[in-house]
N, C-alpha and C. Protein backbone atom coordinates (compact mmCIF):
# COMPACT_ATOMS: atom_id res chain seq x y z
N MET A 1 18.09 -13.67 -29.20
CA MET A 1 17.43 -12.72 -28.32
C MET A 1 15.91 -12.82 -28.56
N THR A 2 15.14 -12.88 -27.46
CA THR A 2 13.68 -12.96 -27.60
C THR A 2 13.10 -11.57 -27.75
N THR A 3 12.08 -11.49 -28.54
CA THR A 3 11.41 -10.20 -28.73
C THR A 3 10.24 -10.11 -27.77
N LEU A 4 9.77 -8.93 -27.57
CA LEU A 4 8.61 -8.71 -26.70
C LEU A 4 7.40 -9.47 -27.22
N ALA A 5 7.20 -9.47 -28.53
CA ALA A 5 6.06 -10.17 -29.12
C ALA A 5 6.12 -11.67 -28.86
N ALA A 6 7.32 -12.22 -28.82
CA ALA A 6 7.47 -13.66 -28.59
C ALA A 6 7.17 -14.03 -27.14
N THR A 7 7.32 -13.09 -26.22
CA THR A 7 7.13 -13.40 -24.80
C THR A 7 5.82 -12.85 -24.25
N THR A 8 5.07 -12.11 -25.04
CA THR A 8 3.82 -11.52 -24.58
C THR A 8 2.69 -12.53 -24.66
N PRO A 9 1.99 -12.76 -23.54
CA PRO A 9 0.87 -13.70 -23.56
C PRO A 9 -0.21 -13.25 -24.55
N PRO A 10 -0.93 -14.19 -25.14
CA PRO A 10 -1.95 -13.86 -26.14
C PRO A 10 -3.01 -12.89 -25.63
N ARG A 11 -3.45 -13.02 -24.41
CA ARG A 11 -4.47 -12.10 -23.87
C ARG A 11 -3.96 -10.66 -23.84
N ILE A 12 -2.69 -10.50 -23.49
CA ILE A 12 -2.11 -9.16 -23.45
C ILE A 12 -1.99 -8.59 -24.86
N THR A 13 -1.56 -9.43 -25.80
CA THR A 13 -1.47 -9.00 -27.20
C THR A 13 -2.83 -8.55 -27.70
N GLU A 14 -3.88 -9.29 -27.34
CA GLU A 14 -5.25 -8.93 -27.75
C GLU A 14 -5.65 -7.58 -27.15
N MET A 15 -5.36 -7.38 -25.88
CA MET A 15 -5.71 -6.12 -25.21
C MET A 15 -4.94 -4.95 -25.81
N LEU A 16 -3.66 -5.17 -26.12
CA LEU A 16 -2.88 -4.09 -26.75
C LEU A 16 -3.45 -3.74 -28.11
N GLY A 17 -3.93 -4.74 -28.84
CA GLY A 17 -4.57 -4.48 -30.13
C GLY A 17 -5.81 -3.62 -29.98
N MET A 18 -6.60 -3.90 -28.94
CA MET A 18 -7.78 -3.07 -28.68
C MET A 18 -7.39 -1.66 -28.27
N ALA A 19 -6.36 -1.56 -27.45
CA ALA A 19 -5.95 -0.25 -26.92
C ALA A 19 -5.42 0.66 -28.02
N ARG A 20 -4.96 0.09 -29.12
CA ARG A 20 -4.47 0.92 -30.23
C ARG A 20 -5.59 1.78 -30.82
N HIS A 21 -6.82 1.37 -30.63
CA HIS A 21 -7.96 2.11 -31.15
C HIS A 21 -8.46 3.17 -30.16
N PHE A 22 -7.90 3.19 -28.95
CA PHE A 22 -8.30 4.18 -27.95
C PHE A 22 -7.66 5.53 -28.26
N SER A 23 -8.30 6.57 -27.78
CA SER A 23 -7.70 7.90 -27.88
C SER A 23 -6.55 7.97 -26.87
N ALA A 24 -5.74 9.00 -27.00
CA ALA A 24 -4.62 9.16 -26.06
C ALA A 24 -5.13 9.26 -24.62
N ARG A 25 -6.21 9.99 -24.44
CA ARG A 25 -6.78 10.15 -23.09
C ARG A 25 -7.27 8.81 -22.55
N GLU A 26 -7.93 8.02 -23.38
CA GLU A 26 -8.42 6.71 -22.94
C GLU A 26 -7.25 5.79 -22.57
N ARG A 27 -6.16 5.86 -23.34
CA ARG A 27 -4.99 5.04 -23.01
C ARG A 27 -4.37 5.48 -21.69
N LEU A 28 -4.35 6.79 -21.43
CA LEU A 28 -3.83 7.28 -20.16
C LEU A 28 -4.68 6.81 -18.99
N VAL A 29 -6.00 6.87 -19.16
CA VAL A 29 -6.90 6.41 -18.10
C VAL A 29 -6.69 4.92 -17.85
N LEU A 30 -6.59 4.15 -18.92
CA LEU A 30 -6.35 2.71 -18.78
C LEU A 30 -5.03 2.44 -18.07
N ALA A 31 -3.98 3.17 -18.45
CA ALA A 31 -2.68 2.99 -17.81
C ALA A 31 -2.76 3.31 -16.32
N LYS A 32 -3.46 4.39 -15.97
CA LYS A 32 -3.61 4.75 -14.56
C LYS A 32 -4.37 3.67 -13.79
N LEU A 33 -5.45 3.18 -14.37
CA LEU A 33 -6.22 2.13 -13.70
C LEU A 33 -5.40 0.87 -13.50
N LEU A 34 -4.62 0.50 -14.49
CA LEU A 34 -3.76 -0.69 -14.36
C LEU A 34 -2.70 -0.48 -13.29
N LEU A 35 -2.07 0.69 -13.29
CA LEU A 35 -1.06 0.98 -12.27
C LEU A 35 -1.68 1.01 -10.88
N ASP A 36 -2.83 1.66 -10.75
CA ASP A 36 -3.51 1.71 -9.46
C ASP A 36 -3.86 0.32 -8.95
N SER A 37 -4.23 -0.58 -9.85
CA SER A 37 -4.61 -1.93 -9.42
C SER A 37 -3.42 -2.66 -8.82
N VAL A 38 -2.23 -2.32 -9.24
CA VAL A 38 -1.03 -2.95 -8.68
C VAL A 38 -0.58 -2.22 -7.43
N VAL A 39 -0.47 -0.91 -7.52
CA VAL A 39 0.07 -0.11 -6.42
C VAL A 39 -0.83 -0.15 -5.20
N PHE A 40 -2.13 0.03 -5.38
CA PHE A 40 -3.02 0.08 -4.23
C PHE A 40 -3.12 -1.25 -3.52
N ASP A 41 -3.03 -2.36 -4.24
CA ASP A 41 -3.02 -3.66 -3.57
C ASP A 41 -1.80 -3.76 -2.66
N GLU A 42 -0.63 -3.30 -3.15
CA GLU A 42 0.57 -3.34 -2.33
C GLU A 42 0.46 -2.40 -1.14
N VAL A 43 -0.09 -1.22 -1.36
CA VAL A 43 -0.26 -0.25 -0.28
C VAL A 43 -1.21 -0.81 0.77
N ASP A 44 -2.32 -1.41 0.33
CA ASP A 44 -3.26 -2.01 1.27
C ASP A 44 -2.61 -3.12 2.07
N ASP A 45 -1.80 -3.94 1.42
CA ASP A 45 -1.08 -5.01 2.14
C ASP A 45 -0.16 -4.41 3.19
N GLU A 46 0.56 -3.37 2.82
CA GLU A 46 1.48 -2.72 3.75
C GLU A 46 0.72 -2.13 4.93
N LEU A 47 -0.41 -1.49 4.67
CA LEU A 47 -1.21 -0.91 5.75
C LEU A 47 -1.75 -2.00 6.67
N ASP A 48 -2.13 -3.14 6.12
CA ASP A 48 -2.61 -4.25 6.94
C ASP A 48 -1.50 -4.74 7.88
N TRP A 49 -0.29 -4.87 7.35
CA TRP A 49 0.84 -5.30 8.19
C TRP A 49 1.12 -4.27 9.27
N GLN A 50 1.07 -2.99 8.93
CA GLN A 50 1.30 -1.95 9.92
C GLN A 50 0.24 -1.98 11.01
N ASP A 51 -1.02 -2.16 10.62
CA ASP A 51 -2.10 -2.24 11.61
C ASP A 51 -1.89 -3.41 12.57
N MET A 52 -1.50 -4.55 12.02
CA MET A 52 -1.27 -5.71 12.88
C MET A 52 -0.11 -5.47 13.83
N SER A 53 0.97 -4.86 13.34
CA SER A 53 2.12 -4.64 14.21
C SER A 53 1.81 -3.59 15.27
N LEU A 54 1.06 -2.55 14.91
CA LEU A 54 0.69 -1.54 15.90
C LEU A 54 -0.22 -2.12 16.97
N SER A 55 -1.13 -3.00 16.57
CA SER A 55 -2.01 -3.65 17.55
C SER A 55 -1.21 -4.51 18.51
N ALA A 56 -0.26 -5.26 17.97
CA ALA A 56 0.57 -6.11 18.81
C ALA A 56 1.42 -5.27 19.75
N PHE A 57 1.98 -4.18 19.24
CA PHE A 57 2.78 -3.29 20.07
C PHE A 57 1.94 -2.67 21.18
N ALA A 58 0.75 -2.21 20.84
CA ALA A 58 -0.13 -1.59 21.84
C ALA A 58 -0.52 -2.59 22.92
N LYS A 59 -0.79 -3.81 22.52
CA LYS A 59 -1.16 -4.86 23.49
C LYS A 59 0.01 -5.13 24.43
N ASP A 60 1.22 -5.21 23.89
CA ASP A 60 2.41 -5.47 24.70
C ASP A 60 2.72 -4.28 25.60
N TRP A 61 2.54 -3.08 25.08
CA TRP A 61 2.89 -1.87 25.82
C TRP A 61 1.90 -1.58 26.93
N ASP A 62 0.63 -1.87 26.72
CA ASP A 62 -0.41 -1.53 27.69
C ASP A 62 -0.54 -2.66 28.71
N ASN A 63 0.27 -2.59 29.76
CA ASN A 63 0.22 -3.62 30.81
C ASN A 63 0.47 -2.96 32.16
N PRO A 64 0.08 -3.62 33.23
CA PRO A 64 0.20 -3.02 34.57
C PRO A 64 1.63 -2.65 34.96
N GLU A 65 2.62 -3.44 34.52
CA GLU A 65 4.00 -3.15 34.90
C GLU A 65 4.48 -1.81 34.33
N ASP A 66 3.97 -1.43 33.18
CA ASP A 66 4.39 -0.19 32.55
C ASP A 66 3.42 0.96 32.78
N ALA A 67 2.43 0.77 33.63
CA ALA A 67 1.41 1.80 33.85
C ALA A 67 2.01 3.10 34.38
N ILE A 68 3.11 3.01 35.10
CA ILE A 68 3.73 4.22 35.65
C ILE A 68 4.16 5.18 34.54
N TYR A 69 4.49 4.64 33.40
CA TYR A 69 4.94 5.48 32.29
C TYR A 69 3.77 6.16 31.56
N ASP A 70 2.55 5.71 31.83
CA ASP A 70 1.40 6.32 31.16
C ASP A 70 1.25 7.80 31.53
N ASN A 71 1.63 8.16 32.74
CA ASN A 71 1.54 9.56 33.20
C ASN A 71 2.93 10.18 33.30
N TRP A 72 3.74 9.97 32.29
CA TRP A 72 5.12 10.44 32.35
C TRP A 72 5.23 11.96 32.45
N ARG A 73 4.31 12.67 31.83
CA ARG A 73 4.38 14.14 31.93
C ARG A 73 4.23 14.58 33.38
N GLU A 74 3.27 13.98 34.06
CA GLU A 74 3.03 14.32 35.47
C GLU A 74 4.22 13.88 36.32
N SER A 75 4.74 12.69 36.07
CA SER A 75 5.87 12.18 36.85
C SER A 75 7.11 13.03 36.72
N TYR A 76 7.34 13.59 35.52
CA TYR A 76 8.56 14.37 35.27
C TYR A 76 8.30 15.87 35.23
N GLY A 77 7.06 16.29 35.51
CA GLY A 77 6.74 17.70 35.57
C GLY A 77 6.80 18.40 34.22
N VAL A 78 6.44 17.68 33.14
CA VAL A 78 6.44 18.26 31.80
C VAL A 78 5.03 18.69 31.46
N PRO A 79 4.85 20.01 31.21
CA PRO A 79 3.49 20.47 30.87
C PRO A 79 3.07 20.02 29.49
N ALA A 80 1.78 19.82 29.32
CA ALA A 80 1.23 19.49 28.01
C ALA A 80 1.32 20.73 27.12
N ARG A 81 1.45 20.53 25.87
CA ARG A 81 1.58 21.69 24.95
C ARG A 81 0.30 22.44 24.81
């Protein structure tokens, strides 16, 4: 069975050694920053994909053939809220 120490890259081992000297609060801040660096990159990627899909949908939806549906409330007599 491999141990964590055997599989941990040297740079990470060095950083963990430095972090041992941090206060509990400093370690929490570091943990949050590391987590944010992973999570926010993924969130940004997801938002980029959503923006692209919404743009494509809007382009496809906004065309002369479907223009009659643009005023659907008026066509069906539905008042605006």
